[in-house]
Amino acid sequence: MPSSSVTVTLPAAGEESVFSSVSSFFSSLLPVAHAEEESSDDAEESEEKESEDDEEEEEEEEDEDEPEDPAPAIYEECEKSKACAPLKHHFDECSKRVEEGKGYEGENCIEEFFHLAHCAQECTAPKLFAKLV
């Protein structure tokens, strides 16, 4: 089986690079379209339409009162629960230690956070779905 090798040469200073020559090749084959500027009359009309649309959207948003998401409140309640209290305490101690610079170099409390988040999510999920259903 014959062996093959690939040789790559970089252009010297002042020479046109391969990428620019390929780019110019495709530019010569494909047409280029340029956007034209709007006349001042068209621009004023479009601004008026946009302001009217914004006013209508604000009115619609006021009419549509979305119910409050119960998840954050349930999550906080679960973080403070008896089951998650030791993990919350451990995370808070780690955060305090890192903020004061007393932890080891590069300490970030990610592990403690994940343990706390897992506990809080396990507690939150059934309560949240019970409210949603």
C-alpha atoms as a PDB file:
ATOM      1  CA  MET A   1       0.000   0.000   0.000  1.00  0.00           C
ATOM      2  CA  PRO A   2       1.564   3.334  -0.983  1.00  0.00           C
ATOM      3  CA  SER A   3       2.096   5.822   1.807  1.00  0.00           C
ATOM      4  CA  SER A   4       0.981   9.400   1.466  1.00  0.00           C
ATOM      5  CA  SER A   5       2.047  12.506   3.278  1.00  0.00           C
ATOM      6  CA  VAL A   6       0.588  15.958   3.561  1.00  0.00           C
ATOM      7  CA  THR A   7       2.746  19.027   3.628  1.00  0.00           C
ATOM      8  CA  VAL A   8       1.338  22.301   4.909  1.00  0.00           C
ATOM      9  CA  THR A   9       3.146  25.516   4.182  1.00  0.00           C
ATOM     10  CA  LEU A  10       2.208  28.768   5.806  1.00  0.00           C
ATOM     11  CA  PRO A  11       2.421  31.956   3.774  1.00  0.00           C
ATOM     12  CA  ALA A  12       5.326  34.251   4.484  1.00  0.00           C
ATOM     13  CA  ALA A  13       4.800  37.817   5.641  1.00  0.00           C
ATOM     14  CA  GLY A  14       3.275  39.907   2.881  1.00  0.00           C
ATOM     15  CA  GLU A  15       1.880  36.922   0.961  1.00  0.00           C
ATOM     16  CA  GLU A  16      -1.839  36.371   0.629  1.00  0.00           C
ATOM     17  CA  SER A  17      -3.093  33.639   2.959  1.00  0.00           C
ATOM     18  CA  VAL A  18      -4.847  30.538   1.692  1.00  0.00           C
ATOM     19  CA  PHE A  19      -8.014  31.465   3.525  1.00  0.00           C
ATOM     20  CA  SER A  20      -8.253  34.900   1.973  1.00  0.00           C
ATOM     21  CA  SER A  21      -7.655  33.500  -1.507  1.00  0.00           C
ATOM     22  CA  VAL A  22     -10.369  30.872  -1.002  1.00  0.00           C
ATOM     23  CA  SER A  23     -12.650  33.562   0.367  1.00  0.00           C
ATOM     24  CA  SER A  24     -12.047  35.833  -2.600  1.00  0.00           C
ATOM     25  CA  PHE A  25     -12.643  32.886  -4.970  1.00  0.00           C
ATOM     26  CA  PHE A  26     -16.097  32.224  -3.497  1.00  0.00           C
ATOM     27  CA  SER A  27     -16.873  35.945  -3.367  1.00  0.00           C
ATOM     28  CA  SER A  28     -16.275  36.180  -7.092  1.00  0.00           C
ATOM     29  CA  LEU A  29     -18.685  33.294  -7.776  1.00  0.00           C
ATOM     30  CA  LEU A  30     -21.532  34.245  -5.452  1.00  0.00           C
ATOM     31  CA  PRO A  31     -23.511  37.466  -5.718  1.00  0.00           C
ATOM     32  CA  VAL A  32     -23.471  39.893  -2.796  1.00  0.00           C
ATOM     33  CA  ALA A  33     -26.617  41.695  -1.651  1.00  0.00           C
ATOM     34  CA  HIS A  34     -26.474  44.946   0.299  1.00  0.00           C
ATOM     35  CA  ALA A  35     -29.310  46.377   2.364  1.00  0.00           C
ATOM     36  CA  GLU A  36     -30.429  49.867   1.510  1.00  0.00           C
ATOM     37  CA  GLU A  37     -31.085  52.471   4.170  1.00  0.00           C
ATOM     38  CA  GLU A  38     -34.685  53.398   4.886  1.00  0.00           C
ATOM     39  CA  SER A  39     -35.805  56.845   3.900  1.00  0.00           C
ATOM     40  CA  SER A  40     -36.613  59.170   6.809  1.00  0.00           C
ATOM     41  CA  ASP A  41     -40.380  58.905   6.112  1.00  0.00           C
ATOM     42  CA  ASP A  42     -40.270  55.106   6.301  1.00  0.00           C
ATOM     43  CA  ALA A  43     -38.227  55.231   9.502  1.00  0.00           C
ATOM     44  CA  GLU A  44     -40.741  57.543  11.215  1.00  0.00           C
ATOM     45  CA  GLU A  45     -43.664  55.305  10.223  1.00  0.00           C
ATOM     46  CA  SER A  46     -41.940  52.177  11.510  1.00  0.00           C
ATOM     47  CA  GLU A  47     -41.134  53.908  14.834  1.00  0.00           C
ATOM     48  CA  GLU A  48     -44.798  54.894  15.240  1.00  0.00           C
ATOM     49  CA  LYS A  49     -45.922  51.321  14.565  1.00  0.00           C
ATOM     50  CA  GLU A  50     -43.388  49.959  17.072  1.00  0.00           C
ATOM     51  CA  SER A  51     -44.578  52.330  19.818  1.00  0.00           C
ATOM     52  CA  GLU A  52     -48.206  51.306  19.187  1.00  0.00           C
ATOM     53  CA  ASP A  53     -47.232  47.622  19.336  1.00  0.00           C
ATOM     54  CA  ASP A  54     -45.369  48.178  22.625  1.00  0.00           C
ATOM     55  CA  GLU A  55     -48.433  49.831  24.180  1.00  0.00           C
ATOM     56  CA  GLU A  56     -50.652  46.919  23.118  1.00  0.00           C
ATOM     57  CA  GLU A  57     -48.197  44.382  24.544  1.00  0.00           C
ATOM     58  CA  GLU A  58     -48.093  46.211  27.892  1.00  0.00           C
ATOM     59  CA  GLU A  59     -51.892  46.127  28.089  1.00  0.00           C
ATOM     60  CA  GLU A  60     -51.926  42.400  27.320  1.00  0.00           C
ATOM     61  CA  GLU A  61     -49.285  41.714  29.978  1.00  0.00           C
ATOM     62  CA  GLU A  62     -51.369  43.520  32.595  1.00  0.00           C
ATOM     63  CA  ASP A  63     -54.422  41.446  31.675  1.00  0.00           C
ATOM     64  CA  GLU A  64     -52.576  38.140  31.908  1.00  0.00           C
ATOM     65  CA  ASP A  65     -51.807  37.618  35.588  1.00  0.00           C
ATOM     66  CA  GLU A  66     -49.594  34.582  35.782  1.00  0.00           C
ATOM     67  CA  PRO A  67     -49.821  32.526  38.942  1.00  0.00           C
ATOM     68  CA  GLU A  68     -46.818  32.723  41.253  1.00  0.00           C
ATOM     69  CA  ASP A  69     -44.351  29.858  40.980  1.00  0.00           C
ATOM     70  CA  PRO A  70     -44.528  27.867  44.238  1.00  0.00           C
ATOM     71  CA  ALA A  71     -41.201  26.066  43.623  1.00  0.00           C
ATOM     72  CA  PRO A  72     -38.786  28.634  45.146  1.00  0.00           C
ATOM     73  CA  ALA A  73     -40.780  28.886  48.376  1.00  0.00           C
ATOM     74  CA  ILE A  74     -41.030  25.106  48.694  1.00  0.00           C
ATOM     75  CA  TYR A  75     -37.313  24.729  47.922  1.00  0.00           C
ATOM     76  CA  GLU A  76     -36.346  27.224  50.667  1.00  0.00           C
ATOM     77  CA  GLU A  77     -38.659  25.464  53.095  1.00  0.00           C
ATOM     78  CA  CYS A  78     -37.005  22.150  52.260  1.00  0.00           C
ATOM     79  CA  GLU A  79     -33.493  23.605  52.671  1.00  0.00           C
ATOM     80  CA  LYS A  80     -34.448  24.556  56.228  1.00  0.00           C
ATOM     81  CA  SER A  81     -36.136  21.218  56.946  1.00  0.00           C
ATOM     82  CA  LYS A  82     -34.841  18.758  59.537  1.00  0.00           C
ATOM     83  CA  ALA A  83     -33.617  16.376  56.817  1.00  0.00           C
ATOM     84  CA  CYS A  84     -31.487  18.999  55.027  1.00  0.00           C
ATOM     85  CA  ALA A  85     -30.401  21.029  58.074  1.00  0.00           C
ATOM     86  CA  PRO A  86     -27.015  19.281  58.534  1.00  0.00           C
ATOM     87  CA  LEU A  87     -26.191  19.710  54.836  1.00  0.00           C
ATOM     88  CA  LYS A  88     -27.222  23.377  54.919  1.00  0.00           C
ATOM     89  CA  HIS A  89     -25.044  23.926  58.006  1.00  0.00           C
ATOM     90  CA  HIS A  90     -22.073  22.210  56.342  1.00  0.00           C
ATOM     91  CA  PHE A  91     -22.513  24.283  53.160  1.00  0.00           C
ATOM     92  CA  ASP A  92     -22.804  27.545  55.121  1.00  0.00           C
ATOM     93  CA  GLU A  93     -19.647  26.759  57.109  1.00  0.00           C
ATOM     94  CA  CYS A  94     -17.741  25.970  53.913  1.00  0.00           C
ATOM     95  CA  SER A  95     -18.953  29.168  52.231  1.00  0.00           C
ATOM     96  CA  LYS A  96     -17.925  31.239  55.237  1.00  0.00           C
ATOM     97  CA  ARG A  97     -14.505  29.581  55.335  1.00  0.00           C
ATOM     98  CA  VAL A  98     -13.910  30.227  51.627  1.00  0.00           C
ATOM     99  CA  GLU A  99     -15.102  33.853  51.792  1.00  0.00           C
ATOM    100  CA  GLU A 100     -12.750  34.537  54.715  1.00  0.00           C
ATOM    101  CA  GLY A 101      -9.864  32.918  52.845  1.00  0.00           C
ATOM    102  CA  LYS A 102      -9.315  30.278  55.525  1.00  0.00           C
ATOM    103  CA  GLY A 103      -9.955  27.309  53.230  1.00  0.00           C
ATOM    104  CA  TYR A 104      -7.323  25.585  51.182  1.00  0.00           C
ATOM    105  CA  GLU A 105      -6.316  27.149  47.875  1.00  0.00           C
ATOM    106  CA  GLY A 106      -8.921  26.484  45.180  1.00  0.00           C
ATOM    107  CA  GLU A 107     -11.667  25.362  47.589  1.00  0.00           C
ATOM    108  CA  ASN A 108     -15.101  26.142  46.166  1.00  0.00           C
ATOM    109  CA  CYS A 109     -17.774  24.222  48.172  1.00  0.00           C
ATOM    110  CA  ILE A 110     -19.271  22.644  45.039  1.00  0.00           C
ATOM    111  CA  GLU A 111     -19.553  19.237  46.663  1.00  0.00           C
ATOM    112  CA  GLU A 112     -21.373  20.668  49.685  1.00  0.00           C
ATOM    113  CA  PHE A 113     -23.697  22.612  47.417  1.00  0.00           C
ATOM    114  CA  PHE A 114     -24.585  19.522  45.378  1.00  0.00           C
ATOM    115  CA  HIS A 115     -25.379  17.530  48.520  1.00  0.00           C
ATOM    116  CA  LEU A 116     -27.638  20.320  49.780  1.00  0.00           C
ATOM    117  CA  ALA A 117     -29.304  20.806  46.384  1.00  0.00           C
ATOM    118  CA  HIS A 118     -29.942  17.067  46.044  1.00  0.00           C
ATOM    119  CA  CYS A 119     -31.575  16.926  49.464  1.00  0.00           C
ATOM    120  CA  ALA A 120     -33.698  20.007  48.785  1.00  0.00           C
ATOM    121  CA  GLN A 121     -34.792  18.708  45.371  1.00  0.00           C
ATOM    122  CA  GLU A 122     -35.737  15.318  46.806  1.00  0.00           C
ATOM    123  CA  CYS A 123     -37.902  17.120  49.349  1.00  0.00           C
ATOM    124  CA  THR A 124     -39.314  19.693  46.893  1.00  0.00           C
ATOM    125  CA  ALA A 125     -40.386  17.409  44.039  1.00  0.00           C
ATOM    126  CA  PRO A 126     -43.281  15.533  45.685  1.00  0.00           C
ATOM    127  CA  LYS A 127     -44.618  18.675  47.374  1.00  0.00           C
ATOM    128  CA  LEU A 128     -44.454  20.677  44.160  1.00  0.00           C
ATOM    129  CA  PHE A 129     -46.160  18.031  42.027  1.00  0.00           C
ATOM    130  CA  ALA A 130     -48.868  17.608  44.655  1.00  0.00           C
ATOM    131  CA  LYS A 131     -49.661  21.329  44.334  1.00  0.00           C
ATOM    132  CA  LEU A 132     -49.553  21.303  40.531  1.00  0.00           C
ATOM    133  CA  VAL A 133     -51.832  18.298  40.118  1.00  0.00           C
END
